[in-house]
N, C-alpha and C. Protein backbone atom coordinates (compact mmCIF):
# COMPACT_ATOMS: atom_id res chain seq x y z
N MET A 1 6.86 -3.27 10.60
CA MET A 1 7.46 -4.33 9.56
C MET A 1 6.89 -3.77 8.35
N ALA A 2 5.66 -3.28 8.04
CA ALA A 2 5.38 -2.73 6.70
C ALA A 2 6.22 -1.53 6.32
N ALA A 3 6.44 -0.57 7.53
CA ALA A 3 7.22 0.76 7.14
C ALA A 3 8.85 -0.13 6.81
N THR A 4 9.26 -0.76 7.34
CA THR A 4 10.62 -1.14 7.00
C THR A 4 10.55 -1.70 5.82
N LEU A 5 9.62 -2.73 5.32
CA LEU A 5 9.85 -3.09 4.05
C LEU A 5 9.35 -2.37 3.00
N ASP A 6 8.56 -1.35 3.33
CA ASP A 6 8.33 -0.13 1.89
C ASP A 6 9.68 0.64 1.67
N GLU A 7 10.62 0.72 2.98
CA GLU A 7 11.66 1.18 2.70
C GLU A 7 12.67 0.43 1.95
N VAL A 8 12.65 -0.78 1.91
CA VAL A 8 13.40 -1.54 1.75
C VAL A 8 13.37 -1.55 0.12
N ALA A 9 11.91 -1.69 -0.10
CA ALA A 9 11.28 -1.75 -1.34
C ALA A 9 11.55 -0.56 -2.47
N ASP A 10 11.80 0.41 -1.75
CA ASP A 10 11.65 2.05 -2.63
C ASP A 10 10.51 2.30 -2.91
N GLY A 11 9.46 2.24 -1.65
CA GLY A 11 8.16 2.70 -2.00
C GLY A 11 7.28 2.05 -2.87
N ARG A 12 7.33 0.74 -3.10
CA ARG A 12 6.71 0.07 -3.84
C ARG A 12 5.50 -0.95 -3.07
N LEU A 13 5.67 -0.75 -1.89
CA LEU A 13 4.80 -1.84 -0.81
C LEU A 13 3.24 -1.29 -1.07
N ILE A 14 2.72 -2.11 -1.20
CA ILE A 14 0.90 -2.10 -1.04
C ILE A 14 0.67 -3.00 -0.03
N LEU A 15 0.12 -2.66 1.34
CA LEU A 15 -0.18 -3.40 2.22
C LEU A 15 -1.49 -4.03 2.34
N GLY A 16 -1.77 -5.11 2.04
CA GLY A 16 -3.11 -5.91 2.23
C GLY A 16 -3.64 -6.26 3.34
N LEU A 17 -4.66 -6.05 3.80
CA LEU A 17 -5.24 -6.24 4.90
C LEU A 17 -6.56 -6.97 4.78
N GLY A 18 -6.94 -7.84 5.75
CA GLY A 18 -8.39 -8.12 5.74
C GLY A 18 -8.76 -9.07 7.02
N THR A 19 -9.96 -9.62 7.17
CA THR A 19 -10.52 -9.97 8.24
C THR A 19 -9.92 -11.53 8.32
N GLY A 20 -9.50 -12.27 7.24
CA GLY A 20 -9.08 -13.48 7.23
C GLY A 20 -10.29 -14.29 7.12
N TRP A 21 -10.14 -15.51 7.21
CA TRP A 21 -11.46 -16.67 6.98
C TRP A 21 -11.00 -17.94 7.44
N HIS A 22 -10.02 -18.59 7.43
CA HIS A 22 -9.53 -19.80 7.32
C HIS A 22 -9.38 -20.21 9.03
N GLU A 23 -10.09 -20.96 9.55
CA GLU A 23 -10.06 -20.86 11.07
C GLU A 23 -8.52 -21.88 11.71
N PRO A 24 -8.26 -22.76 10.83
CA PRO A 24 -7.02 -23.48 11.36
C PRO A 24 -5.72 -22.40 11.35
N GLU A 25 -5.91 -21.15 10.50
CA GLU A 25 -4.90 -20.33 10.51
C GLU A 25 -4.64 -19.61 11.89
N TYR A 26 -5.93 -19.22 12.08
CA TYR A 26 -6.23 -18.75 13.50
C TYR A 26 -5.57 -19.60 14.87
N ALA A 27 -6.13 -20.64 14.67
CA ALA A 27 -5.56 -21.66 15.68
C ALA A 27 -4.17 -21.76 15.79
N ALA A 28 -3.58 -22.11 14.70
CA ALA A 28 -1.91 -21.93 14.33
C ALA A 28 -1.46 -20.88 15.07
N PHE A 29 -1.84 -19.72 15.02
CA PHE A 29 -0.99 -18.73 15.58
C PHE A 29 -1.71 -17.84 16.97
N GLY A 30 -2.68 -18.67 17.57
CA GLY A 30 -3.38 -18.48 18.88
C GLY A 30 -4.21 -17.20 18.46
N TYR A 31 -4.75 -17.03 17.36
CA TYR A 31 -5.98 -15.79 17.39
C TYR A 31 -7.35 -16.23 17.36
N PRO A 32 -7.80 -15.22 18.28
CA PRO A 32 -9.45 -15.75 18.53
C PRO A 32 -10.10 -15.53 17.11
N PHE A 33 -10.95 -16.53 16.84
CA PHE A 33 -11.65 -16.69 15.90
C PHE A 33 -13.11 -15.56 15.63
N ASP A 34 -13.70 -15.28 16.84
CA ASP A 34 -14.61 -14.65 16.97
C ASP A 34 -14.76 -13.27 16.98
N HIS A 35 -15.81 -12.45 16.52
CA HIS A 35 -15.88 -10.90 16.10
C HIS A 35 -14.76 -10.41 15.20
N ARG A 36 -14.83 -11.17 14.09
CA ARG A 36 -13.62 -10.83 13.36
C ARG A 36 -13.66 -9.51 12.73
N ALA A 37 -15.07 -9.30 12.31
CA ALA A 37 -14.94 -8.11 11.36
C ALA A 37 -14.93 -6.66 12.54
N GLY A 38 -15.45 -7.04 13.92
CA GLY A 38 -15.33 -6.09 14.95
C GLY A 38 -13.60 -5.64 15.43
N ARG A 39 -13.27 -7.04 15.40
CA ARG A 39 -11.52 -6.92 15.72
C ARG A 39 -10.98 -5.98 14.69
N PHE A 40 -11.37 -6.39 13.19
CA PHE A 40 -10.55 -5.98 12.24
C PHE A 40 -10.72 -4.47 12.14
N GLU A 41 -12.13 -3.78 12.56
CA GLU A 41 -12.46 -2.47 12.39
C GLU A 41 -11.44 -1.59 13.38
N GLU A 42 -11.34 -2.34 14.57
CA GLU A 42 -10.55 -1.60 15.56
C GLU A 42 -9.23 -1.63 15.01
N ALA A 43 -8.56 -2.90 14.26
CA ALA A 43 -7.32 -2.79 14.15
C ALA A 43 -7.13 -1.83 12.93
N LEU A 44 -7.72 -1.62 12.14
CA LEU A 44 -7.81 -0.43 11.13
C LEU A 44 -7.47 0.91 11.47
N GLN A 45 -7.99 1.12 12.74
CA GLN A 45 -7.95 2.40 13.39
C GLN A 45 -6.92 3.02 14.07
N ILE A 46 -5.95 1.58 14.25
CA ILE A 46 -4.61 1.80 14.80
C ILE A 46 -3.65 1.69 13.66
N ILE A 47 -3.58 0.76 12.83
CA ILE A 47 -2.76 0.64 11.74
C ILE A 47 -2.59 1.52 10.80
N ILE A 48 -3.64 2.11 10.28
CA ILE A 48 -3.71 3.05 9.08
C ILE A 48 -3.14 4.45 9.84
N PRO A 49 -3.58 5.02 10.66
CA PRO A 49 -3.00 6.15 11.26
C PRO A 49 -1.05 5.86 11.34
N LEU A 50 -0.97 4.67 12.18
CA LEU A 50 0.61 4.57 12.40
C LEU A 50 1.26 4.40 10.90
N ILE A 51 0.66 4.05 10.01
CA ILE A 51 1.61 3.71 8.72
C ILE A 51 1.74 5.43 7.93
N ARG A 52 0.86 5.95 8.64
CA ARG A 52 0.66 7.19 7.85
C ARG A 52 1.64 8.42 8.99
N GLY A 53 2.44 7.90 9.72
CA GLY A 53 2.77 8.62 10.63
C GLY A 53 2.31 9.40 11.84
N GLU A 54 1.38 9.00 12.02
CA GLU A 54 0.53 9.65 13.22
C GLU A 54 0.71 8.86 14.14
N ARG A 55 0.46 9.62 15.50
CA ARG A 55 0.50 9.19 16.89
C ARG A 55 -0.72 8.64 17.24
N VAL A 56 -1.06 7.28 17.75
CA VAL A 56 -2.38 6.91 18.01
C VAL A 56 -2.49 6.37 19.45
N SER A 57 -3.80 6.92 20.01
CA SER A 57 -4.18 6.58 21.01
C SER A 57 -5.42 5.85 20.82
N PHE A 58 -5.67 4.77 21.60
CA PHE A 58 -6.98 3.96 21.03
C PHE A 58 -7.60 3.06 22.05
N ASP A 59 -8.76 3.14 22.56
CA ASP A 59 -9.33 2.32 23.73
C ASP A 59 -10.38 1.58 23.37
N GLY A 60 -10.36 0.51 22.82
CA GLY A 60 -11.36 -0.43 22.15
C GLY A 60 -11.78 -1.46 23.13
N ARG A 61 -12.77 -2.22 22.24
CA ARG A 61 -12.93 -3.36 23.18
C ARG A 61 -12.19 -4.59 23.06
N TRP A 62 -11.33 -4.70 21.92
CA TRP A 62 -10.20 -5.79 21.49
C TRP A 62 -9.03 -5.17 21.60
N HIS A 63 -8.55 -4.01 21.18
CA HIS A 63 -7.47 -3.43 20.95
C HIS A 63 -7.43 -2.13 21.78
N GLN A 64 -6.12 -1.95 22.49
CA GLN A 64 -5.57 -0.65 22.93
C GLN A 64 -4.48 -0.20 22.75
N VAL A 65 -4.29 0.87 22.51
CA VAL A 65 -2.81 1.49 22.40
C VAL A 65 -2.70 3.06 22.80
N ALA A 66 -1.54 3.31 23.79
CA ALA A 66 -1.73 4.59 24.24
C ALA A 66 -0.29 5.48 23.64
N ASP A 67 -0.54 6.46 22.88
CA ASP A 67 0.19 7.41 22.32
C ASP A 67 1.45 6.43 21.40
N ALA A 68 1.10 5.65 20.58
CA ALA A 68 1.72 4.65 19.87
C ALA A 68 2.41 5.29 18.52
N VAL A 69 3.71 5.02 18.19
CA VAL A 69 4.09 5.86 17.32
C VAL A 69 5.08 5.10 16.58
N LEU A 70 5.38 5.18 15.14
CA LEU A 70 6.39 4.30 14.34
C LEU A 70 7.78 5.40 14.50
N ILE A 71 8.69 4.79 15.12
CA ILE A 71 10.07 5.57 15.12
C ILE A 71 11.19 4.66 14.49
N PRO A 72 11.69 5.36 12.97
CA PRO A 72 11.37 6.55 12.70
C PRO A 72 10.06 6.26 11.48
N PRO A 73 9.39 7.36 11.52
CA PRO A 73 8.13 7.29 10.71
C PRO A 73 8.42 6.59 9.58
N PRO A 74 7.02 5.99 8.83
CA PRO A 74 7.25 5.42 7.78
C PRO A 74 7.65 6.31 6.50
N PRO A 75 8.75 5.95 6.03
CA PRO A 75 9.35 6.91 4.92
C PRO A 75 8.69 6.52 3.57
N ARG A 76 8.71 7.47 2.73
CA ARG A 76 8.57 7.45 1.00
C ARG A 76 9.35 8.24 0.41
N PRO A 77 10.06 7.66 -0.57
CA PRO A 77 11.14 8.06 -1.35
C PRO A 77 10.30 9.69 -1.73
N ALA A 78 11.49 10.39 -1.83
CA ALA A 78 10.85 11.86 -2.67
C ALA A 78 9.89 11.58 -3.99
N ARG A 79 10.68 10.73 -4.72
CA ARG A 79 10.18 10.76 -6.04
C ARG A 79 8.93 9.97 -6.06
N LEU A 80 8.41 9.15 -4.96
CA LEU A 80 7.20 8.68 -4.57
C LEU A 80 6.46 9.30 -3.54
N PRO A 81 5.88 10.67 -3.55
CA PRO A 81 5.33 11.20 -2.24
C PRO A 81 3.91 10.56 -1.98
N GLY A 82 3.64 10.85 -0.84
CA GLY A 82 2.64 10.24 -0.44
C GLY A 82 2.84 9.17 0.74
N ARG A 83 1.74 8.30 0.73
CA ARG A 83 1.75 7.10 1.94
C ARG A 83 1.72 5.78 1.27
N ILE A 84 2.02 4.72 2.22
CA ILE A 84 1.69 3.47 1.85
C ILE A 84 0.29 2.96 1.72
N PRO A 85 0.17 2.81 0.35
CA PRO A 85 -1.22 2.36 0.06
C PRO A 85 -1.85 1.37 0.61
N VAL A 86 -3.14 1.34 1.51
CA VAL A 86 -3.72 -0.06 1.87
C VAL A 86 -4.80 -0.60 1.00
N LEU A 87 -4.41 -1.53 0.80
CA LEU A 87 -5.53 -2.70 0.01
C LEU A 87 -6.28 -3.64 1.04
N ILE A 88 -7.62 -3.57 1.03
CA ILE A 88 -8.30 -4.30 1.67
C ILE A 88 -9.31 -5.32 0.92
N ALA A 89 -8.98 -6.77 1.26
CA ALA A 89 -9.97 -7.64 0.78
C ALA A 89 -11.25 -7.91 1.62
N ALA A 90 -12.45 -7.63 0.73
CA ALA A 90 -13.57 -7.84 1.53
C ALA A 90 -14.86 -8.05 0.39
N ARG A 91 -15.67 -8.66 1.30
CA ARG A 91 -16.88 -8.58 0.75
C ARG A 91 -18.11 -8.48 1.67
N GLY A 92 -19.23 -8.15 1.59
CA GLY A 92 -20.33 -8.10 2.63
C GLY A 92 -20.39 -6.75 3.07
N GLU A 93 -21.45 -6.14 3.54
CA GLU A 93 -21.83 -4.69 3.67
C GLU A 93 -20.93 -4.05 4.63
N ARG A 94 -20.65 -4.54 6.11
CA ARG A 94 -19.95 -3.94 6.90
C ARG A 94 -18.64 -4.00 6.76
N VAL A 95 -18.09 -4.69 6.10
CA VAL A 95 -16.43 -4.75 5.91
C VAL A 95 -16.30 -3.80 4.65
N LEU A 96 -17.09 -4.00 3.64
CA LEU A 96 -17.23 -3.22 2.50
C LEU A 96 -17.21 -1.54 2.96
N ARG A 97 -18.35 -1.31 3.79
CA ARG A 97 -18.08 0.08 4.32
C ARG A 97 -16.80 0.53 5.11
N MET A 98 -15.82 -0.70 5.73
CA MET A 98 -14.65 -0.42 5.92
C MET A 98 -13.69 0.15 4.66
N VAL A 99 -13.79 -0.71 3.69
CA VAL A 99 -13.03 -0.41 2.66
C VAL A 99 -13.32 1.28 2.19
N ALA A 100 -14.72 1.51 2.37
CA ALA A 100 -15.08 2.88 1.55
C ALA A 100 -14.04 3.96 2.56
N ARG A 101 -14.33 3.50 3.93
CA ARG A 101 -13.95 4.42 4.66
C ARG A 101 -12.38 4.55 5.09
N HIS A 102 -11.67 3.50 4.67
CA HIS A 102 -10.34 3.47 5.05
C HIS A 102 -9.29 3.39 3.86
N ALA A 103 -9.72 2.50 2.80
CA ALA A 103 -8.55 1.74 1.89
C ALA A 103 -8.18 2.87 0.49
N ASP A 104 -7.32 2.36 0.20
CA ASP A 104 -6.92 3.22 -1.10
C ASP A 104 -7.26 2.08 -2.37
N ALA A 105 -7.23 0.90 -2.08
CA ALA A 105 -7.54 -0.13 -3.02
C ALA A 105 -8.45 -1.39 -2.44
N TRP A 106 -9.20 -2.09 -3.79
CA TRP A 106 -10.02 -3.19 -2.67
C TRP A 106 -9.85 -4.38 -3.82
N ASN A 107 -9.94 -5.47 -3.30
CA ASN A 107 -9.48 -6.86 -4.03
C ASN A 107 -10.81 -7.75 -3.74
N MET A 108 -11.10 -7.88 -4.99
CA MET A 108 -12.45 -9.03 -5.11
C MET A 108 -11.75 -10.39 -5.67
N ALA A 109 -12.05 -11.28 -5.42
CA ALA A 109 -11.76 -12.56 -5.93
C ALA A 109 -12.71 -13.84 -5.22
N TRP A 110 -12.48 -15.03 -5.98
CA TRP A 110 -11.90 -15.25 -7.16
C TRP A 110 -12.84 -15.53 -8.29
N PHE A 111 -12.04 -15.01 -9.64
CA PHE A 111 -12.84 -14.89 -10.78
C PHE A 111 -12.22 -15.70 -11.93
N GLY A 112 -12.88 -15.76 -13.30
CA GLY A 112 -12.34 -16.09 -14.21
C GLY A 112 -12.52 -14.77 -15.07
N LEU A 113 -13.53 -14.77 -16.23
CA LEU A 113 -14.14 -13.56 -16.72
C LEU A 113 -15.01 -12.88 -15.83
N PRO A 114 -15.41 -11.48 -16.34
CA PRO A 114 -16.28 -10.84 -15.43
C PRO A 114 -17.65 -11.50 -15.73
N ASN A 115 -18.62 -11.41 -14.59
CA ASN A 115 -19.64 -12.26 -14.74
C ASN A 115 -20.61 -11.61 -13.76
N GLU A 116 -21.61 -12.14 -13.58
CA GLU A 116 -22.84 -11.41 -12.79
C GLU A 116 -22.45 -11.27 -11.35
N ARG A 117 -21.74 -12.09 -10.85
CA ARG A 117 -21.20 -12.28 -9.62
C ARG A 117 -20.32 -10.90 -9.33
N SER A 118 -19.34 -10.65 -10.16
CA SER A 118 -18.50 -9.66 -10.28
C SER A 118 -18.94 -8.12 -10.39
N ASN A 119 -20.24 -8.30 -11.29
CA ASN A 119 -21.11 -6.99 -11.24
C ASN A 119 -21.72 -6.70 -10.12
N GLY A 120 -21.92 -7.75 -9.31
CA GLY A 120 -22.47 -7.62 -8.19
C GLY A 120 -21.93 -7.11 -7.05
N ARG A 121 -20.33 -7.82 -7.08
CA ARG A 121 -19.70 -7.11 -5.99
C ARG A 121 -19.47 -5.55 -6.33
N LEU A 122 -19.03 -5.29 -7.54
CA LEU A 122 -18.97 -3.95 -7.81
C LEU A 122 -19.85 -3.19 -7.43
N ALA A 123 -21.26 -3.46 -7.71
CA ALA A 123 -22.20 -2.75 -7.24
C ALA A 123 -22.31 -2.53 -5.57
N ASP A 124 -22.24 -3.53 -5.23
CA ASP A 124 -22.05 -3.37 -3.51
C ASP A 124 -20.90 -2.59 -2.83
N LEU A 125 -19.71 -2.30 -3.91
CA LEU A 125 -18.65 -1.52 -3.30
C LEU A 125 -19.38 0.13 -3.56
N ARG A 126 -19.89 0.22 -4.67
CA ARG A 126 -20.63 1.27 -5.22
C ARG A 126 -21.33 1.68 -4.03
N ALA A 127 -22.41 0.96 -3.54
CA ALA A 127 -23.13 1.22 -2.25
C ALA A 127 -22.54 1.68 -1.04
N ALA A 128 -21.64 1.00 -0.89
CA ALA A 128 -20.87 1.27 0.39
C ALA A 128 -19.96 2.83 0.25
N CYS A 129 -19.63 2.83 -0.93
CA CYS A 129 -19.16 4.41 -0.98
C CYS A 129 -20.03 5.37 -0.80
N GLU A 130 -21.33 5.08 -1.79
CA GLU A 130 -22.31 5.85 -1.51
C GLU A 130 -22.70 6.20 0.24
N ALA A 131 -22.90 5.12 0.93
CA ALA A 131 -23.20 5.24 2.15
C ALA A 131 -22.05 5.85 3.29
N GLU A 132 -20.66 5.93 2.75
CA GLU A 132 -19.95 6.72 3.30
C GLU A 132 -19.39 8.08 2.92
N GLY A 133 -20.23 8.36 1.66
CA GLY A 133 -20.07 9.80 1.32
C GLY A 133 -18.41 9.58 0.57
N ARG A 134 -18.27 8.73 -0.39
CA ARG A 134 -17.11 8.62 -0.97
C ARG A 134 -17.40 8.39 -2.58
N ASP A 135 -16.43 9.05 -3.35
CA ASP A 135 -16.37 8.66 -4.36
C ASP A 135 -15.80 7.17 -4.95
N PRO A 136 -16.58 6.43 -5.46
CA PRO A 136 -15.80 5.19 -5.68
C PRO A 136 -14.85 4.85 -6.71
N ALA A 137 -14.58 6.18 -7.54
CA ALA A 137 -13.57 6.25 -8.14
C ALA A 137 -12.03 6.39 -8.07
N THR A 138 -12.16 6.84 -6.52
CA THR A 138 -11.19 6.89 -5.79
C THR A 138 -10.73 5.72 -4.96
N ILE A 139 -11.02 4.66 -5.12
CA ILE A 139 -10.84 3.21 -4.73
C ILE A 139 -10.44 2.56 -6.02
N GLU A 140 -8.94 2.09 -5.88
CA GLU A 140 -8.55 1.29 -6.91
C GLU A 140 -9.31 -0.21 -6.74
N VAL A 141 -9.75 -0.74 -7.82
CA VAL A 141 -10.25 -1.93 -7.87
C VAL A 141 -9.25 -3.22 -8.20
N THR A 142 -8.91 -4.08 -7.57
CA THR A 142 -8.14 -5.17 -7.91
C THR A 142 -8.89 -6.60 -7.88
N VAL A 143 -8.50 -7.50 -8.88
CA VAL A 143 -9.24 -8.76 -8.68
C VAL A 143 -8.33 -9.91 -8.80
N GLY A 144 -8.55 -10.99 -8.31
CA GLY A 144 -8.02 -12.35 -8.00
C GLY A 144 -8.39 -13.10 -8.96
N LEU A 145 -7.61 -13.62 -9.92
CA LEU A 145 -8.15 -14.68 -11.09
C LEU A 145 -7.64 -15.92 -11.03
N THR A 146 -8.47 -17.13 -11.03
CA THR A 146 -8.02 -18.36 -10.98
C THR A 146 -7.78 -19.10 -12.22
N VAL A 147 -6.61 -19.58 -12.50
CA VAL A 147 -6.07 -20.30 -13.91
C VAL A 147 -5.93 -21.91 -13.43
N ASP A 148 -7.07 -22.62 -14.27
CA ASP A 148 -6.95 -24.09 -14.22
C ASP A 148 -7.58 -24.41 -13.03
N THR A 149 -8.27 -25.65 -12.53
CA THR A 149 -8.84 -26.04 -11.52
C THR A 149 -8.14 -27.62 -11.20
N SER A 150 -7.34 -27.85 -11.73
CA SER A 150 -6.76 -29.30 -11.31
C SER A 150 -6.29 -29.56 -10.14
N THR A 151 -6.10 -28.50 -9.40
CA THR A 151 -5.60 -28.82 -8.12
C THR A 151 -6.47 -27.84 -7.14
N VAL A 152 -7.81 -28.00 -7.40
CA VAL A 152 -8.63 -27.61 -6.09
C VAL A 152 -8.53 -28.05 -5.08
N GLU A 153 -8.55 -27.30 -4.01
CA GLU A 153 -8.42 -27.65 -2.85
C GLU A 153 -9.60 -27.33 -1.65
N SER A 154 -9.96 -28.03 -0.97
CA SER A 154 -11.36 -27.64 -0.03
C SER A 154 -11.05 -26.36 0.39
N ALA A 155 -9.50 -26.27 1.12
CA ALA A 155 -9.44 -25.22 1.86
C ALA A 155 -8.81 -24.22 1.41
N ARG A 156 -8.95 -24.24 -0.07
CA ARG A 156 -8.28 -23.14 -0.75
C ARG A 156 -9.26 -22.73 -2.05
N PRO A 157 -10.14 -21.82 -1.68
CA PRO A 157 -11.23 -21.49 -2.66
C PRO A 157 -10.85 -20.63 -3.79
N GLY A 158 -11.34 -21.24 -5.20
CA GLY A 158 -10.77 -20.70 -6.48
C GLY A 158 -11.87 -20.07 -6.93
N ALA A 159 -12.03 -19.66 -8.23
CA ALA A 159 -13.03 -19.38 -9.12
C ALA A 159 -13.75 -20.78 -9.40
N ALA A 160 -15.31 -20.66 -9.64
CA ALA A 160 -15.73 -22.06 -10.00
C ALA A 160 -15.81 -22.04 -11.55
N ASP A 161 -15.69 -20.75 -11.97
CA ASP A 161 -15.40 -20.67 -13.69
C ASP A 161 -14.11 -20.26 -13.80
N ALA A 162 -13.08 -20.98 -13.42
CA ALA A 162 -11.68 -20.57 -13.48
C ALA A 162 -11.23 -20.64 -15.16
N LEU A 163 -10.38 -19.56 -15.42
CA LEU A 163 -9.72 -19.74 -16.73
C LEU A 163 -8.94 -20.94 -17.24
N PRO A 164 -8.89 -21.51 -18.51
CA PRO A 164 -8.20 -22.53 -19.01
C PRO A 164 -6.89 -22.02 -19.08
N PRO A 165 -5.75 -22.91 -18.62
CA PRO A 165 -4.27 -22.47 -19.30
C PRO A 165 -4.10 -22.35 -20.34
N ASP A 166 -4.54 -21.63 -20.91
CA ASP A 166 -4.43 -20.83 -22.54
C ASP A 166 -4.18 -19.70 -22.55
N ALA A 167 -3.34 -19.10 -23.07
CA ALA A 167 -2.62 -17.73 -23.16
C ALA A 167 -3.65 -16.74 -24.20
N ASP A 168 -4.68 -17.36 -24.98
CA ASP A 168 -5.35 -16.43 -25.48
C ASP A 168 -6.59 -15.93 -24.59
N ALA A 169 -6.84 -17.18 -24.02
CA ALA A 169 -8.14 -17.33 -22.98
C ALA A 169 -7.79 -16.47 -21.87
N ILE A 170 -6.54 -16.14 -21.44
CA ILE A 170 -6.13 -15.31 -20.15
C ILE A 170 -5.89 -14.24 -20.67
N ALA A 171 -5.32 -13.85 -21.75
CA ALA A 171 -5.13 -12.40 -22.38
C ALA A 171 -6.61 -12.00 -22.71
N THR A 172 -7.62 -12.62 -23.39
CA THR A 172 -8.76 -12.09 -23.12
C THR A 172 -9.50 -11.60 -21.97
N ALA A 173 -9.12 -12.55 -20.72
CA ALA A 173 -9.69 -12.02 -19.61
C ALA A 173 -8.84 -10.86 -18.88
N PHE A 174 -7.66 -10.66 -19.20
CA PHE A 174 -7.22 -9.21 -19.04
C PHE A 174 -7.77 -8.28 -19.46
N ASP A 175 -8.22 -8.44 -20.77
CA ASP A 175 -8.65 -7.21 -21.51
C ASP A 175 -10.02 -6.93 -20.97
N ALA A 176 -10.86 -8.02 -20.75
CA ALA A 176 -11.96 -7.67 -20.36
C ALA A 176 -12.05 -6.92 -18.78
N TRP A 177 -11.32 -7.45 -18.07
CA TRP A 177 -10.86 -6.80 -16.47
C TRP A 177 -10.44 -5.35 -16.95
N ARG A 178 -9.57 -5.20 -17.92
CA ARG A 178 -9.09 -3.96 -17.87
C ARG A 178 -10.16 -2.98 -18.49
N ASP A 179 -10.84 -3.23 -19.41
CA ASP A 179 -11.96 -2.70 -19.82
C ASP A 179 -13.27 -2.24 -18.75
N LEU A 180 -12.92 -2.96 -17.50
CA LEU A 180 -13.99 -2.79 -16.51
C LEU A 180 -13.33 -1.67 -15.45
N GLY A 181 -11.97 -1.31 -16.13
CA GLY A 181 -11.44 -0.34 -14.82
C GLY A 181 -10.39 -0.92 -14.23
N VAL A 182 -10.26 -2.28 -14.27
CA VAL A 182 -9.46 -3.20 -13.13
C VAL A 182 -7.85 -2.99 -13.66
N GLY A 183 -6.99 -2.39 -12.74
CA GLY A 183 -5.40 -2.16 -13.26
C GLY A 183 -4.71 -3.28 -12.86
N THR A 184 -5.07 -3.94 -11.76
CA THR A 184 -4.08 -5.01 -11.40
C THR A 184 -4.90 -6.17 -11.03
N VAL A 185 -4.22 -7.20 -11.56
CA VAL A 185 -4.83 -8.61 -11.25
C VAL A 185 -3.97 -9.63 -10.47
N GLN A 186 -4.26 -10.55 -9.54
CA GLN A 186 -3.61 -11.20 -8.73
C GLN A 186 -4.01 -12.70 -9.15
N MET A 187 -2.79 -13.67 -9.40
CA MET A 187 -3.14 -14.93 -10.22
C MET A 187 -2.84 -16.00 -9.47
N ASP A 188 -4.01 -16.62 -9.32
CA ASP A 188 -4.09 -18.03 -8.68
C ASP A 188 -3.76 -19.01 -9.58
N LEU A 189 -2.81 -19.47 -9.89
CA LEU A 189 -2.30 -20.82 -10.66
C LEU A 189 -2.40 -22.20 -9.90
N ARG A 190 -3.03 -23.04 -10.79
CA ARG A 190 -3.32 -24.35 -10.54
C ARG A 190 -3.20 -25.56 -11.33
N PRO A 191 -2.07 -25.89 -11.62
CA PRO A 191 -0.92 -25.98 -10.60
C PRO A 191 -0.05 -24.82 -11.06
N VAL A 192 0.97 -24.57 -9.69
CA VAL A 192 1.94 -23.56 -10.32
C VAL A 192 3.27 -24.49 -10.72
N GLU A 193 3.59 -24.42 -11.89
CA GLU A 193 4.49 -24.96 -12.42
C GLU A 193 4.99 -24.36 -13.93
N GLU A 194 6.25 -24.82 -14.23
CA GLU A 194 6.73 -23.79 -15.54
C GLU A 194 5.81 -23.78 -16.62
N ARG A 195 4.75 -24.87 -16.60
CA ARG A 195 4.05 -24.58 -17.79
C ARG A 195 2.86 -23.71 -17.81
N THR A 196 2.28 -23.45 -16.60
CA THR A 196 1.42 -22.53 -16.34
C THR A 196 2.00 -21.05 -16.12
N ILE A 197 3.11 -21.10 -15.66
CA ILE A 197 4.10 -19.79 -15.65
C ILE A 197 4.15 -19.41 -17.06
N GLU A 198 4.69 -20.37 -18.11
CA GLU A 198 5.08 -19.93 -19.23
C GLU A 198 3.77 -19.45 -19.96
N VAL A 199 2.56 -20.13 -19.77
CA VAL A 199 1.43 -19.60 -20.23
C VAL A 199 0.93 -18.16 -19.73
N LEU A 200 1.13 -17.80 -18.72
CA LEU A 200 0.60 -16.62 -18.05
C LEU A 200 1.81 -15.51 -18.45
N VAL A 201 2.92 -15.83 -18.90
CA VAL A 201 3.84 -15.02 -19.49
C VAL A 201 3.60 -14.19 -20.79
N GLN A 202 2.95 -15.64 -21.66
CA GLN A 202 2.35 -15.39 -22.85
C GLN A 202 1.28 -14.79 -23.00
N ALA A 203 0.28 -14.98 -22.08
CA ALA A 203 -0.73 -14.18 -22.14
C ALA A 203 -0.62 -12.80 -21.58
N ARG A 204 0.19 -12.21 -21.00
CA ARG A 204 0.68 -10.97 -20.60
C ARG A 204 1.19 -10.16 -21.98
N GLU A 205 1.80 -10.89 -22.34
CA GLU A 205 2.46 -10.11 -23.74
C GLU A 205 1.44 -10.04 -25.12
N LYS A 206 0.42 -10.97 -25.10
CA LYS A 206 -0.50 -10.58 -26.05
C LYS A 206 -1.63 -9.56 -25.64
N HIS A 207 -1.71 -9.67 -24.22
CA HIS A 207 -2.48 -8.33 -23.30
C HIS A 207 -1.75 -7.04 -23.87
N LEU A 208 -0.74 -6.92 -23.59
CA LEU A 208 0.32 -6.05 -23.79
C LEU A 208 0.52 -5.66 -25.40
N GLY A 209 0.30 -6.36 -26.01
CA GLY A 209 0.54 -6.23 -27.48
C GLY A 209 1.85 -6.81 -27.87
N THR A 210 2.75 -7.33 -27.10
CA THR A 210 3.93 -7.27 -27.13
C THR A 210 4.35 -8.81 -27.66
N GLY A 211 3.51 -9.40 -27.82
CA GLY A 211 3.58 -11.12 -27.88
C GLY A 211 2.90 -11.40 -29.44
């Protein structure tokens, strides 16, 4: 599905992967909730080679494939040579080591402005890269930002220090994350309505110097 979507999207797909965390989602689809990190680590050893056009044989504890291949192979337009980039959302030493081993990009969430918690997460990524012998500069860092907290739900974690629905404040946050080397943000708007979307558009214009 990822390879097909990448072709439809003319090479713009970023494949986001993660262990998941919300047990009711697992129950809804009949997926086991135990050994999530172990299952995810095995899955990465199958998924990533496949989307890079390789044949894969793998005999793990939870996953097995025999000479699996995607036909036709995952295409990328000539103007965008390379492979489908893989983004992994992770925290914790074990899964961060998987990021360092396999990912093109890493996502951390949820935040408002950069703070001690985000600094700690970045330090954890650097440590994982050091352990895996990888230059952390080769991993794109992305961050999830929460705007407003008026619709906080127990099953939907957001930033404890969420940004207010104010264009100047959000633009300032965009600037701060950019200065840390973050090139992509994911926005969690609460609530999602015309007002908050308009504020987000205004903040983007201020950040880019077009508003």
